[in-house]
Every structure is written in structure tokens, then in C-alpha cells.
Amino acid sequence: MDRKEHWENTYSIRPGSELSWYQEYPVISLAMIRRSGIGVGSPIIDVGGGASVLVDCLLEEGFEDLTVLDISSIALSAPRRRLGARAREVVWITQDVTAFVAGRPYALWHDRAVFHFLTREKDRKRYLQAMCLALQPGGQAVIAAFAVGGPEKCSGLDIVQYDASRLARELGAEFQLLEQEQEDHLTPAGAIQKFGYYRFIRASAGR
């Protein structure tokens, strides 16, 4: 089963609100986006955001230029239904992020639960290439991943655990770590998952 088929199957079996990484309110993501200092007219892309309510929250806070990317068309259908007429204010992209080529620059790249699923080095390199092409010089990235001591598998897949130093090494010298925060995420089933959140700034123009 390839990656897209896996996630289409996952979202067809259970709604996003029942999946382990679901949050009723993305407290840390929103706080880091606020602290980024970007304006409400700045373009933001939420990678793997199909099961997230982050886009709802950003719309409520007045952000006007939002894109949500997810590999699963089923995942993206839920927020589009939930938002109703407001869904027209968002750009929706169904694509594997490792094959994503941005058609425009973004001020902020957000990813709460995609990067840690990329266990192969070549996929991580493709992800980083996509992010570098998408982020404008001086743009910021908010990336969350399972922390050291957290889950070793999720949704039947192996994952990679990260701390700040490991993630910084993956991103390379082009990105400077601005802040980090840890979270004990309570899953819908009542389990605890350890997450780390990291905000980086793109310090140079090219990779």
C-alpha cells in the first residue's frame, strides 16, 4: 500500500476527530504563529492539515491568505464541509508534500504531524526541498513531531522521534531555531503522546 492509499484508507475508516493526533484546539500552534509576528494578510500553508481545526481558528483570528495541503482528499473534505461558505476563503491542495511544488511563496509553513512519518532520508530531502521552494526568504516554519520518549509508531506506521537538535540537523544551516515547546497531547482515546513544537526562521534565500 503506498502512502496516499494508506491515508485515504485511514480517513475512510474513522473521522479525523477520532484519530490519535486530533486536537480540539491547537493551542501551541496558534501561539507560535502569533509570536511569528506575521500579519493577517501574510500567506500561510498548513501541511497535513486535513484533520486539523487550525484553519478554522486562523480564519476566526482574521488571517486572510490560507492554504491547506493534505495527501488525502477524504481528509480535506471534512474541514470543507465544516467551514461551509467560508471554505471558499481557503486554497485546498490534495498532494503528497514530498512531491509538492509551490506556485507561490509563503510567509509561514505549518506542519504538526507529517514530518515524523518520513522515515526514509530521500523523502525527508524531498520534503525539505518542497519547504525551501515554498518559503520566502525570512519565512518561518512551525513543525511539530513526536518527541523523544513518545510513540514509536502511529496509524500502523513507523515514525522518527525528534528533539530540537535532531530536527535542526535535518533542516540544515539555512534554518535557525527560534523557540521550542513540549506538549503531552491527550488523544481522543485518552492516551498521552509526547510532542515537540519548533519554530524556525529561514535565514538565507537558497538551498
N, C-alpha and C. Protein backbone atom coordinates (compact mmCIF):
# COMPACT_ATOMS: atom_id res chain seq x y z
N MET A 1 0.85 -1.20 0.00
CA MET A 1 0.00 0.00 0.00
C MET A 1 0.88 1.25 0.00
N ASP A 2 0.68 2.15 -0.97
CA ASP A 2 1.50 3.36 -0.99
C ASP A 2 0.97 4.38 0.02
N ARG A 3 1.71 5.49 0.14
CA ARG A 3 1.40 6.46 1.19
C ARG A 3 0.01 7.07 1.02
N LYS A 4 -0.34 7.45 -0.19
CA LYS A 4 -1.65 8.04 -0.40
C LYS A 4 -2.77 7.05 -0.09
N GLU A 5 -2.61 5.83 -0.57
CA GLU A 5 -3.64 4.81 -0.32
C GLU A 5 -3.80 4.57 1.18
N HIS A 6 -2.67 4.55 1.90
CA HIS A 6 -2.74 4.34 3.35
C HIS A 6 -3.59 5.41 4.03
N TRP A 7 -3.34 6.68 3.67
CA TRP A 7 -4.05 7.75 4.36
C TRP A 7 -5.49 7.89 3.89
N GLU A 8 -5.77 7.62 2.65
CA GLU A 8 -7.17 7.61 2.21
C GLU A 8 -7.94 6.53 2.96
N ASN A 9 -7.31 5.39 3.13
CA ASN A 9 -7.94 4.30 3.87
C ASN A 9 -8.13 4.67 5.33
N THR A 10 -7.12 5.30 5.93
CA THR A 10 -7.21 5.70 7.34
C THR A 10 -8.39 6.63 7.57
N TYR A 11 -8.53 7.64 6.71
CA TYR A 11 -9.60 8.62 6.90
C TYR A 11 -10.97 8.08 6.48
N SER A 12 -10.99 7.03 5.67
CA SER A 12 -12.27 6.44 5.29
C SER A 12 -12.84 5.56 6.40
N ILE A 13 -11.96 5.04 7.25
CA ILE A 13 -12.38 4.16 8.34
C ILE A 13 -12.90 4.95 9.52
N ARG A 14 -12.19 6.04 9.87
CA ARG A 14 -12.56 6.84 11.04
C ARG A 14 -12.50 8.32 10.71
N PRO A 15 -13.39 9.12 11.29
CA PRO A 15 -13.30 10.57 11.08
C PRO A 15 -12.04 11.12 11.73
N GLY A 16 -11.58 12.25 11.23
CA GLY A 16 -10.37 12.85 11.76
C GLY A 16 -10.42 13.12 13.25
N SER A 17 -11.61 13.42 13.77
CA SER A 17 -11.75 13.75 15.19
C SER A 17 -11.52 12.55 16.10
N GLU A 18 -11.43 11.33 15.53
CA GLU A 18 -11.17 10.14 16.33
C GLU A 18 -9.73 9.65 16.20
N LEU A 19 -8.94 10.30 15.34
CA LEU A 19 -7.56 9.88 15.15
C LEU A 19 -6.69 10.41 16.29
N SER A 20 -5.60 9.71 16.57
CA SER A 20 -4.86 9.96 17.81
C SER A 20 -4.30 11.37 17.91
N TRP A 21 -3.93 11.98 16.77
CA TRP A 21 -3.28 13.29 16.83
C TRP A 21 -4.27 14.46 16.83
N TYR A 22 -5.57 14.16 16.79
CA TYR A 22 -6.58 15.22 16.71
C TYR A 22 -6.55 16.11 17.95
N GLN A 23 -6.69 17.41 17.73
CA GLN A 23 -6.78 18.39 18.82
C GLN A 23 -8.08 19.18 18.67
N GLU A 24 -8.77 19.37 19.78
CA GLU A 24 -9.97 20.22 19.74
C GLU A 24 -9.58 21.68 19.52
N TYR A 25 -8.40 22.07 20.02
CA TYR A 25 -7.93 23.45 19.85
C TYR A 25 -6.41 23.43 19.80
N PRO A 26 -5.82 23.94 18.73
CA PRO A 26 -4.36 23.85 18.56
C PRO A 26 -3.61 24.96 19.30
N VAL A 27 -3.53 24.85 20.59
CA VAL A 27 -3.03 25.93 21.45
C VAL A 27 -1.61 26.35 21.07
N ILE A 28 -0.69 25.39 21.01
CA ILE A 28 0.72 25.75 20.80
C ILE A 28 0.94 26.25 19.38
N SER A 29 0.33 25.59 18.40
CA SER A 29 0.48 26.05 17.02
C SER A 29 0.04 27.49 16.87
N LEU A 30 -1.12 27.82 17.42
CA LEU A 30 -1.62 29.19 17.31
C LEU A 30 -0.71 30.17 18.03
N ALA A 31 -0.22 29.77 19.20
CA ALA A 31 0.66 30.67 19.94
C ALA A 31 1.94 30.96 19.17
N MET A 32 2.51 29.93 18.54
CA MET A 32 3.75 30.13 17.77
C MET A 32 3.49 30.97 16.52
N ILE A 33 2.35 30.77 15.89
CA ILE A 33 2.01 31.59 14.72
C ILE A 33 1.84 33.05 15.13
N ARG A 34 1.20 33.26 16.26
CA ARG A 34 1.06 34.65 16.74
C ARG A 34 2.43 35.26 17.02
N ARG A 35 3.31 34.48 17.67
CA ARG A 35 4.63 35.01 18.03
C ARG A 35 5.53 35.17 16.82
N SER A 36 5.15 34.58 15.69
CA SER A 36 5.95 34.77 14.48
C SER A 36 5.92 36.21 14.01
N GLY A 37 4.87 36.93 14.39
CA GLY A 37 4.76 38.34 14.03
C GLY A 37 4.27 38.60 12.62
N ILE A 38 3.87 37.57 11.89
CA ILE A 38 3.38 37.80 10.53
C ILE A 38 2.00 38.45 10.57
N GLY A 39 1.70 39.22 9.56
CA GLY A 39 0.42 39.92 9.50
C GLY A 39 -0.71 39.01 9.05
N VAL A 40 -1.94 39.46 9.26
CA VAL A 40 -3.10 38.64 8.90
C VAL A 40 -3.24 38.46 7.39
N GLY A 41 -2.58 39.31 6.63
CA GLY A 41 -2.61 39.17 5.18
C GLY A 41 -1.48 38.30 4.62
N SER A 42 -0.61 37.82 5.50
CA SER A 42 0.53 37.01 5.06
C SER A 42 0.08 35.60 4.71
N PRO A 43 0.65 35.02 3.66
CA PRO A 43 0.24 33.68 3.25
C PRO A 43 0.79 32.59 4.17
N ILE A 44 -0.08 31.68 4.59
CA ILE A 44 0.26 30.55 5.46
C ILE A 44 -0.16 29.27 4.77
N ILE A 45 0.69 28.25 4.85
CA ILE A 45 0.31 26.92 4.37
C ILE A 45 0.37 25.94 5.53
N ASP A 46 -0.70 25.16 5.71
CA ASP A 46 -0.78 24.14 6.75
C ASP A 46 -0.65 22.78 6.06
N VAL A 47 0.46 22.11 6.30
CA VAL A 47 0.79 20.85 5.63
C VAL A 47 0.25 19.69 6.47
N GLY A 48 -0.51 18.81 5.83
CA GLY A 48 -1.13 17.71 6.56
C GLY A 48 -2.27 18.18 7.43
N GLY A 49 -2.92 19.25 7.02
CA GLY A 49 -3.92 19.89 7.87
C GLY A 49 -5.34 19.39 7.70
N GLY A 50 -5.52 18.27 7.00
CA GLY A 50 -6.87 17.82 6.71
C GLY A 50 -7.72 17.48 7.92
N ALA A 51 -7.10 16.98 9.00
CA ALA A 51 -7.85 16.62 10.20
C ALA A 51 -7.78 17.69 11.28
N SER A 52 -7.22 18.83 10.95
CA SER A 52 -6.98 19.88 11.94
C SER A 52 -8.03 20.98 11.87
N VAL A 53 -8.25 21.61 13.03
CA VAL A 53 -9.12 22.79 13.07
C VAL A 53 -8.30 24.08 13.06
N LEU A 54 -7.00 23.96 12.78
CA LEU A 54 -6.17 25.17 12.76
C LEU A 54 -6.70 26.19 11.76
N VAL A 55 -7.12 25.73 10.59
CA VAL A 55 -7.60 26.67 9.57
C VAL A 55 -8.83 27.42 10.07
N ASP A 56 -9.72 26.75 10.81
CA ASP A 56 -10.89 27.42 11.38
C ASP A 56 -10.45 28.53 12.32
N CYS A 57 -9.48 28.19 13.17
CA CYS A 57 -9.01 29.16 14.17
C CYS A 57 -8.33 30.36 13.51
N LEU A 58 -7.54 30.11 12.48
CA LEU A 58 -6.86 31.20 11.79
C LEU A 58 -7.85 32.11 11.08
N LEU A 59 -8.88 31.53 10.50
CA LEU A 59 -9.93 32.36 9.89
C LEU A 59 -10.60 33.22 10.95
N GLU A 60 -10.89 32.65 12.09
CA GLU A 60 -11.53 33.41 13.17
C GLU A 60 -10.63 34.54 13.66
N GLU A 61 -9.32 34.35 13.59
CA GLU A 61 -8.38 35.39 14.04
C GLU A 61 -8.11 36.43 12.95
N GLY A 62 -8.74 36.25 11.80
CA GLY A 62 -8.64 37.28 10.76
C GLY A 62 -7.63 37.03 9.68
N PHE A 63 -6.95 35.88 9.70
CA PHE A 63 -5.98 35.59 8.64
C PHE A 63 -6.72 35.38 7.33
N GLU A 64 -6.17 35.95 6.27
CA GLU A 64 -6.90 36.07 5.01
C GLU A 64 -6.34 35.24 3.87
N ASP A 65 -5.14 34.67 4.04
CA ASP A 65 -4.47 34.01 2.92
C ASP A 65 -3.98 32.64 3.38
N LEU A 66 -4.88 31.66 3.35
CA LEU A 66 -4.62 30.36 3.94
C LEU A 66 -4.68 29.26 2.88
N THR A 67 -3.74 28.34 2.98
CA THR A 67 -3.70 27.15 2.13
C THR A 67 -3.58 25.93 3.03
N VAL A 68 -4.35 24.90 2.74
CA VAL A 68 -4.26 23.63 3.46
C VAL A 68 -3.90 22.54 2.46
N LEU A 69 -2.84 21.80 2.75
CA LEU A 69 -2.38 20.72 1.89
C LEU A 69 -2.49 19.41 2.65
N ASP A 70 -3.01 18.38 1.99
CA ASP A 70 -3.05 17.06 2.60
C ASP A 70 -2.99 16.01 1.49
N ILE A 71 -2.39 14.88 1.80
CA ILE A 71 -2.30 13.81 0.82
C ILE A 71 -3.66 13.15 0.58
N SER A 72 -4.58 13.29 1.55
CA SER A 72 -5.87 12.61 1.49
C SER A 72 -7.00 13.55 1.09
N SER A 73 -7.67 13.24 0.01
CA SER A 73 -8.84 14.02 -0.39
C SER A 73 -9.98 13.84 0.61
N ILE A 74 -10.07 12.65 1.22
CA ILE A 74 -11.11 12.41 2.22
C ILE A 74 -10.87 13.29 3.44
N ALA A 75 -9.61 13.41 3.86
CA ALA A 75 -9.28 14.27 5.00
C ALA A 75 -9.69 15.71 4.74
N LEU A 76 -9.43 16.20 3.54
CA LEU A 76 -9.74 17.60 3.22
C LEU A 76 -11.23 17.85 3.08
N SER A 77 -11.99 16.82 2.81
CA SER A 77 -13.43 17.03 2.64
C SER A 77 -14.11 17.43 3.94
N ALA A 78 -13.58 16.96 5.07
CA ALA A 78 -14.20 17.25 6.37
C ALA A 78 -14.15 18.74 6.72
N PRO A 79 -12.98 19.40 6.69
CA PRO A 79 -12.98 20.83 7.01
C PRO A 79 -13.74 21.67 5.99
N ARG A 80 -13.77 21.24 4.75
CA ARG A 80 -14.51 22.00 3.74
C ARG A 80 -16.01 21.96 4.05
N ARG A 81 -16.49 20.81 4.47
CA ARG A 81 -17.90 20.72 4.88
C ARG A 81 -18.14 21.54 6.15
N ARG A 82 -17.21 21.43 7.08
CA ARG A 82 -17.37 22.10 8.37
C ARG A 82 -17.40 23.62 8.22
N LEU A 83 -16.57 24.14 7.35
CA LEU A 83 -16.48 25.59 7.16
C LEU A 83 -17.61 26.15 6.32
N GLY A 84 -18.27 25.32 5.55
CA GLY A 84 -19.37 25.80 4.72
C GLY A 84 -18.91 26.85 3.73
N ALA A 85 -19.60 27.98 3.71
CA ALA A 85 -19.28 29.04 2.74
C ALA A 85 -17.87 29.58 2.94
N ARG A 86 -17.36 29.54 4.16
CA ARG A 86 -16.02 30.07 4.43
C ARG A 86 -14.92 29.21 3.79
N ALA A 87 -15.25 27.99 3.40
CA ALA A 87 -14.25 27.14 2.74
C ALA A 87 -13.74 27.78 1.46
N ARG A 88 -14.54 28.67 0.86
CA ARG A 88 -14.11 29.34 -0.36
C ARG A 88 -12.99 30.34 -0.10
N GLU A 89 -12.76 30.68 1.17
CA GLU A 89 -11.69 31.61 1.53
C GLU A 89 -10.33 30.92 1.64
N VAL A 90 -10.32 29.59 1.50
CA VAL A 90 -9.11 28.80 1.70
C VAL A 90 -8.76 28.09 0.39
N VAL A 91 -7.45 27.98 0.12
CA VAL A 91 -6.98 27.17 -1.01
C VAL A 91 -6.73 25.76 -0.49
N TRP A 92 -7.33 24.77 -1.15
CA TRP A 92 -7.21 23.37 -0.73
C TRP A 92 -6.39 22.60 -1.77
N ILE A 93 -5.34 21.91 -1.32
CA ILE A 93 -4.47 21.18 -2.24
C ILE A 93 -4.37 19.73 -1.78
N THR A 94 -4.73 18.80 -2.65
CA THR A 94 -4.57 17.38 -2.37
C THR A 94 -3.29 16.90 -3.04
N GLN A 95 -2.26 16.65 -2.22
CA GLN A 95 -0.98 16.23 -2.78
C GLN A 95 -0.07 15.70 -1.68
N ASP A 96 0.79 14.79 -2.05
CA ASP A 96 1.86 14.34 -1.17
C ASP A 96 2.87 15.48 -1.05
N VAL A 97 3.19 15.89 0.16
CA VAL A 97 4.08 17.04 0.33
C VAL A 97 5.45 16.79 -0.28
N THR A 98 5.88 15.53 -0.36
CA THR A 98 7.21 15.27 -0.93
C THR A 98 7.25 15.50 -2.44
N ALA A 99 6.08 15.69 -3.05
CA ALA A 99 6.01 16.00 -4.48
C ALA A 99 5.46 17.39 -4.73
N PHE A 100 5.29 18.16 -3.67
CA PHE A 100 4.66 19.48 -3.77
C PHE A 100 5.63 20.50 -4.34
N VAL A 101 5.15 21.24 -5.33
CA VAL A 101 5.90 22.37 -5.88
C VAL A 101 5.01 23.60 -5.74
N ALA A 102 5.38 24.48 -4.84
CA ALA A 102 4.54 25.65 -4.57
C ALA A 102 4.50 26.58 -5.77
N GLY A 103 3.33 27.09 -6.06
CA GLY A 103 3.18 28.04 -7.15
C GLY A 103 3.33 29.47 -6.70
N ARG A 104 3.64 29.66 -5.42
CA ARG A 104 3.77 31.00 -4.85
C ARG A 104 4.56 30.90 -3.55
N PRO A 105 5.11 32.00 -3.06
CA PRO A 105 5.85 31.96 -1.79
C PRO A 105 4.92 32.11 -0.59
N TYR A 106 5.29 31.49 0.50
CA TYR A 106 4.54 31.58 1.75
C TYR A 106 5.39 32.22 2.84
N ALA A 107 4.72 32.91 3.74
CA ALA A 107 5.42 33.52 4.88
C ALA A 107 5.61 32.54 6.01
N LEU A 108 4.71 31.54 6.10
CA LEU A 108 4.81 30.58 7.20
C LEU A 108 4.33 29.21 6.74
N TRP A 109 5.11 28.21 7.09
CA TRP A 109 4.84 26.80 6.80
C TRP A 109 4.53 26.13 8.12
N HIS A 110 3.37 25.49 8.24
CA HIS A 110 3.00 24.81 9.48
C HIS A 110 2.81 23.33 9.21
N ASP A 111 3.38 22.51 10.08
CA ASP A 111 3.24 21.05 9.96
C ASP A 111 3.23 20.48 11.37
N ARG A 112 2.08 19.95 11.78
CA ARG A 112 2.03 19.37 13.12
C ARG A 112 2.32 17.87 13.14
N ALA A 113 2.06 17.15 12.08
CA ALA A 113 2.17 15.69 12.21
C ALA A 113 2.44 15.00 10.88
N VAL A 114 3.33 15.57 10.08
CA VAL A 114 3.70 14.93 8.81
C VAL A 114 5.16 14.49 8.82
N PHE A 115 6.05 15.40 9.19
CA PHE A 115 7.48 15.14 9.02
C PHE A 115 7.93 13.88 9.75
N HIS A 116 7.35 13.61 10.92
CA HIS A 116 7.83 12.44 11.68
C HIS A 116 7.46 11.11 11.02
N PHE A 117 6.55 11.13 10.04
CA PHE A 117 6.22 9.90 9.31
C PHE A 117 7.23 9.59 8.19
N LEU A 118 8.09 10.52 7.89
CA LEU A 118 9.04 10.34 6.78
C LEU A 118 10.29 9.64 7.31
N THR A 119 10.28 8.33 7.24
CA THR A 119 11.37 7.54 7.81
C THR A 119 12.52 7.34 6.83
N ARG A 120 12.29 7.59 5.55
CA ARG A 120 13.35 7.43 4.55
C ARG A 120 14.02 8.78 4.29
N GLU A 121 15.34 8.76 4.24
CA GLU A 121 16.09 10.00 4.04
C GLU A 121 15.68 10.71 2.76
N LYS A 122 15.45 9.94 1.68
CA LYS A 122 15.10 10.58 0.41
C LYS A 122 13.76 11.32 0.50
N ASP A 123 12.83 10.82 1.32
CA ASP A 123 11.55 11.51 1.49
C ASP A 123 11.73 12.78 2.32
N ARG A 124 12.59 12.72 3.32
CA ARG A 124 12.84 13.92 4.12
C ARG A 124 13.51 15.00 3.26
N LYS A 125 14.42 14.58 2.38
CA LYS A 125 15.07 15.56 1.49
C LYS A 125 14.06 16.19 0.54
N ARG A 126 13.13 15.40 0.03
CA ARG A 126 12.09 15.94 -0.85
C ARG A 126 11.18 16.90 -0.10
N TYR A 127 10.84 16.55 1.14
CA TYR A 127 10.04 17.44 1.97
C TYR A 127 10.75 18.78 2.16
N LEU A 128 12.01 18.72 2.53
CA LEU A 128 12.77 19.95 2.78
C LEU A 128 12.93 20.79 1.52
N GLN A 129 13.09 20.11 0.38
CA GLN A 129 13.15 20.84 -0.88
C GLN A 129 11.83 21.56 -1.14
N ALA A 130 10.72 20.86 -0.89
CA ALA A 130 9.40 21.47 -1.08
C ALA A 130 9.23 22.67 -0.15
N MET A 131 9.67 22.52 1.10
CA MET A 131 9.52 23.61 2.06
C MET A 131 10.38 24.81 1.67
N CYS A 132 11.61 24.54 1.23
CA CYS A 132 12.50 25.63 0.83
C CYS A 132 11.97 26.38 -0.39
N LEU A 133 11.40 25.64 -1.33
CA LEU A 133 10.84 26.29 -2.51
C LEU A 133 9.60 27.10 -2.15
N ALA A 134 8.87 26.65 -1.13
CA ALA A 134 7.63 27.32 -0.76
C ALA A 134 7.84 28.54 0.12
N LEU A 135 8.87 28.51 0.98
CA LEU A 135 9.05 29.58 1.95
C LEU A 135 9.82 30.75 1.34
N GLN A 136 9.30 31.93 1.54
CA GLN A 136 10.00 33.13 1.10
C GLN A 136 11.21 33.38 2.00
N PRO A 137 12.24 34.07 1.53
CA PRO A 137 13.37 34.41 2.40
C PRO A 137 12.88 35.13 3.66
N GLY A 138 13.35 34.69 4.81
CA GLY A 138 12.86 35.25 6.06
C GLY A 138 11.57 34.62 6.54
N GLY A 139 11.04 33.67 5.76
CA GLY A 139 9.82 32.97 6.17
C GLY A 139 10.09 32.06 7.36
N GLN A 140 9.02 31.62 7.98
CA GLN A 140 9.14 30.81 9.19
C GLN A 140 8.44 29.47 9.02
N ALA A 141 8.93 28.48 9.77
CA ALA A 141 8.33 27.15 9.76
C ALA A 141 8.02 26.73 11.20
N VAL A 142 6.80 26.32 11.43
CA VAL A 142 6.40 25.74 12.71
C VAL A 142 6.18 24.25 12.45
N ILE A 143 7.05 23.43 13.03
CA ILE A 143 6.99 21.99 12.81
C ILE A 143 6.85 21.30 14.16
N ALA A 144 5.85 20.42 14.27
CA ALA A 144 5.67 19.60 15.46
C ALA A 144 5.86 18.14 15.08
N ALA A 145 6.45 17.39 15.99
CA ALA A 145 6.73 15.97 15.73
C ALA A 145 6.73 15.23 17.05
N PHE A 146 6.59 13.91 16.95
CA PHE A 146 6.67 13.10 18.16
C PHE A 146 8.04 13.30 18.80
N ALA A 147 8.02 13.53 20.09
CA ALA A 147 9.25 13.81 20.82
C ALA A 147 9.93 12.52 21.25
N VAL A 148 11.18 12.63 21.64
CA VAL A 148 11.91 11.50 22.21
C VAL A 148 11.16 11.03 23.45
N GLY A 149 10.91 9.73 23.50
CA GLY A 149 10.10 9.18 24.59
C GLY A 149 8.63 9.09 24.25
N GLY A 150 8.26 9.57 23.07
CA GLY A 150 6.88 9.49 22.62
C GLY A 150 6.63 8.20 21.87
N PRO A 151 5.56 8.17 21.06
CA PRO A 151 5.23 6.95 20.31
C PRO A 151 6.34 6.55 19.34
N GLU A 152 6.46 5.26 19.12
CA GLU A 152 7.39 4.74 18.12
C GLU A 152 6.68 4.38 16.83
N LYS A 153 5.36 4.27 16.90
CA LYS A 153 4.53 4.02 15.73
C LYS A 153 3.27 4.86 15.85
N CYS A 154 2.65 5.12 14.71
CA CYS A 154 1.37 5.83 14.70
C CYS A 154 0.61 5.41 13.45
N SER A 155 -0.66 5.15 13.60
CA SER A 155 -1.50 4.74 12.47
C SER A 155 -0.91 3.54 11.72
N GLY A 156 -0.25 2.65 12.48
CA GLY A 156 0.34 1.46 11.88
C GLY A 156 1.65 1.70 11.17
N LEU A 157 2.19 2.91 11.26
CA LEU A 157 3.43 3.26 10.55
C LEU A 157 4.55 3.57 11.54
N ASP A 158 5.77 3.24 11.15
CA ASP A 158 6.93 3.69 11.91
C ASP A 158 7.05 5.20 11.81
N ILE A 159 7.64 5.79 12.83
CA ILE A 159 7.86 7.25 12.82
C ILE A 159 9.31 7.52 13.25
N VAL A 160 9.70 8.78 13.17
CA VAL A 160 11.00 9.23 13.66
C VAL A 160 10.75 10.23 14.78
N GLN A 161 11.35 9.98 15.94
CA GLN A 161 11.23 10.91 17.06
C GLN A 161 12.26 12.03 16.91
N TYR A 162 11.87 13.23 17.36
CA TYR A 162 12.76 14.38 17.22
C TYR A 162 12.88 15.15 18.52
N ASP A 163 14.07 15.70 18.73
CA ASP A 163 14.26 16.79 19.66
C ASP A 163 14.77 17.98 18.84
N ALA A 164 15.04 19.09 19.49
CA ALA A 164 15.41 20.30 18.75
C ALA A 164 16.68 20.11 17.95
N SER A 165 17.68 19.46 18.52
CA SER A 165 18.97 19.32 17.83
C SER A 165 18.84 18.41 16.61
N ARG A 166 18.07 17.34 16.74
CA ARG A 166 17.92 16.42 15.60
C ARG A 166 17.16 17.08 14.47
N LEU A 167 16.10 17.80 14.80
CA LEU A 167 15.33 18.47 13.76
C LEU A 167 16.15 19.57 13.11
N ALA A 168 16.91 20.31 13.90
CA ALA A 168 17.76 21.37 13.34
C ALA A 168 18.79 20.79 12.37
N ARG A 169 19.34 19.63 12.70
CA ARG A 169 20.30 18.99 11.79
C ARG A 169 19.62 18.60 10.48
N GLU A 170 18.39 18.11 10.56
CA GLU A 170 17.67 17.74 9.35
C GLU A 170 17.42 18.96 8.46
N LEU A 171 17.03 20.07 9.07
CA LEU A 171 16.72 21.26 8.28
C LEU A 171 17.97 21.93 7.74
N GLY A 172 19.07 21.85 8.45
CA GLY A 172 20.33 22.41 7.97
C GLY A 172 20.53 23.85 8.36
N ALA A 173 21.68 24.37 7.96
CA ALA A 173 22.12 25.70 8.39
C ALA A 173 21.24 26.82 7.86
N GLU A 174 20.44 26.53 6.86
CA GLU A 174 19.57 27.56 6.29
C GLU A 174 18.47 27.99 7.26
N PHE A 175 18.20 27.15 8.27
CA PHE A 175 17.12 27.43 9.22
C PHE A 175 17.67 27.61 10.62
N GLN A 176 17.19 28.65 11.29
CA GLN A 176 17.62 28.97 12.65
C GLN A 176 16.45 28.73 13.61
N LEU A 177 16.69 27.96 14.68
CA LEU A 177 15.66 27.68 15.67
C LEU A 177 15.38 28.92 16.51
N LEU A 178 14.13 29.31 16.58
CA LEU A 178 13.72 30.47 17.36
C LEU A 178 13.12 30.09 18.71
N GLU A 179 12.36 29.00 18.74
CA GLU A 179 11.76 28.58 20.01
C GLU A 179 11.32 27.14 19.90
N GLN A 180 11.11 26.54 21.07
CA GLN A 180 10.61 25.18 21.14
C GLN A 180 9.71 25.03 22.35
N GLU A 181 8.81 24.07 22.28
CA GLU A 181 7.88 23.82 23.38
C GLU A 181 7.47 22.36 23.33
N GLN A 182 7.29 21.77 24.50
CA GLN A 182 6.87 20.38 24.61
C GLN A 182 5.38 20.30 24.97
N GLU A 183 4.76 19.22 24.53
CA GLU A 183 3.34 19.02 24.82
C GLU A 183 3.09 17.54 25.13
N ASP A 184 2.31 17.30 26.20
CA ASP A 184 1.75 15.97 26.44
C ASP A 184 0.35 15.98 25.87
N HIS A 185 0.25 15.48 24.65
CA HIS A 185 -1.03 15.52 23.93
C HIS A 185 -1.94 14.39 24.40
N LEU A 186 -3.16 14.74 24.81
CA LEU A 186 -4.15 13.76 25.21
C LEU A 186 -4.96 13.36 23.98
N THR A 187 -4.85 12.10 23.59
CA THR A 187 -5.54 11.63 22.39
C THR A 187 -7.04 11.47 22.67
N PRO A 188 -7.86 11.39 21.62
CA PRO A 188 -9.29 11.14 21.83
C PRO A 188 -9.57 9.86 22.62
N ALA A 189 -8.65 8.90 22.56
CA ALA A 189 -8.83 7.64 23.29
C ALA A 189 -8.33 7.73 24.73
N GLY A 190 -7.75 8.88 25.12
CA GLY A 190 -7.31 9.07 26.49
C GLY A 190 -5.85 8.74 26.76
N ALA A 191 -5.07 8.45 25.73
CA ALA A 191 -3.64 8.19 25.91
C ALA A 191 -2.85 9.50 25.83
N ILE A 192 -1.61 9.45 26.30
CA ILE A 192 -0.72 10.61 26.24
C ILE A 192 0.35 10.38 25.18
N GLN A 193 0.52 11.36 24.31
CA GLN A 193 1.59 11.33 23.31
C GLN A 193 2.49 12.55 23.52
N LYS A 194 3.78 12.32 23.53
CA LYS A 194 4.74 13.42 23.71
C LYS A 194 5.06 14.04 22.35
N PHE A 195 4.80 15.33 22.24
CA PHE A 195 5.10 16.10 21.03
C PHE A 195 6.12 17.19 21.35
N GLY A 196 6.92 17.53 20.37
CA GLY A 196 7.75 18.72 20.44
C GLY A 196 7.35 19.68 19.33
N TYR A 197 7.30 20.97 19.65
CA TYR A 197 6.97 22.01 18.67
C TYR A 197 8.19 22.90 18.51
N TYR A 198 8.50 23.26 17.26
CA TYR A 198 9.70 24.03 16.97
C TYR A 198 9.39 25.09 15.94
N ARG A 199 9.83 26.31 16.22
CA ARG A 199 9.64 27.40 15.26
C ARG A 199 11.01 27.83 14.74
N PHE A 200 11.15 27.79 13.42
CA PHE A 200 12.40 28.14 12.74
C PHE A 200 12.17 29.35 11.83
N ILE A 201 13.24 30.08 11.57
CA ILE A 201 13.21 31.13 10.55
C ILE A 201 14.19 30.75 9.46
N ARG A 202 13.79 31.01 8.22
CA ARG A 202 14.67 30.74 7.10
C ARG A 202 15.67 31.89 6.99
N ALA A 203 16.91 31.57 7.23
CA ALA A 203 17.91 32.63 7.37
C ALA A 203 18.54 33.06 6.06
N SER A 204 18.41 32.24 5.02
CA SER A 204 19.01 32.60 3.74
C SER A 204 18.06 32.25 2.61
N ALA A 205 18.40 32.68 1.42
CA ALA A 205 17.45 32.60 0.33
C ALA A 205 17.44 31.29 -0.43
N GLY A 206 18.49 30.50 -0.38
CA GLY A 206 18.51 29.32 -1.23
C GLY A 206 19.17 28.13 -0.57
N ARG A 207 18.82 26.93 -1.04
CA ARG A 207 19.40 25.70 -0.50
C ARG A 207 20.36 25.12 -1.53
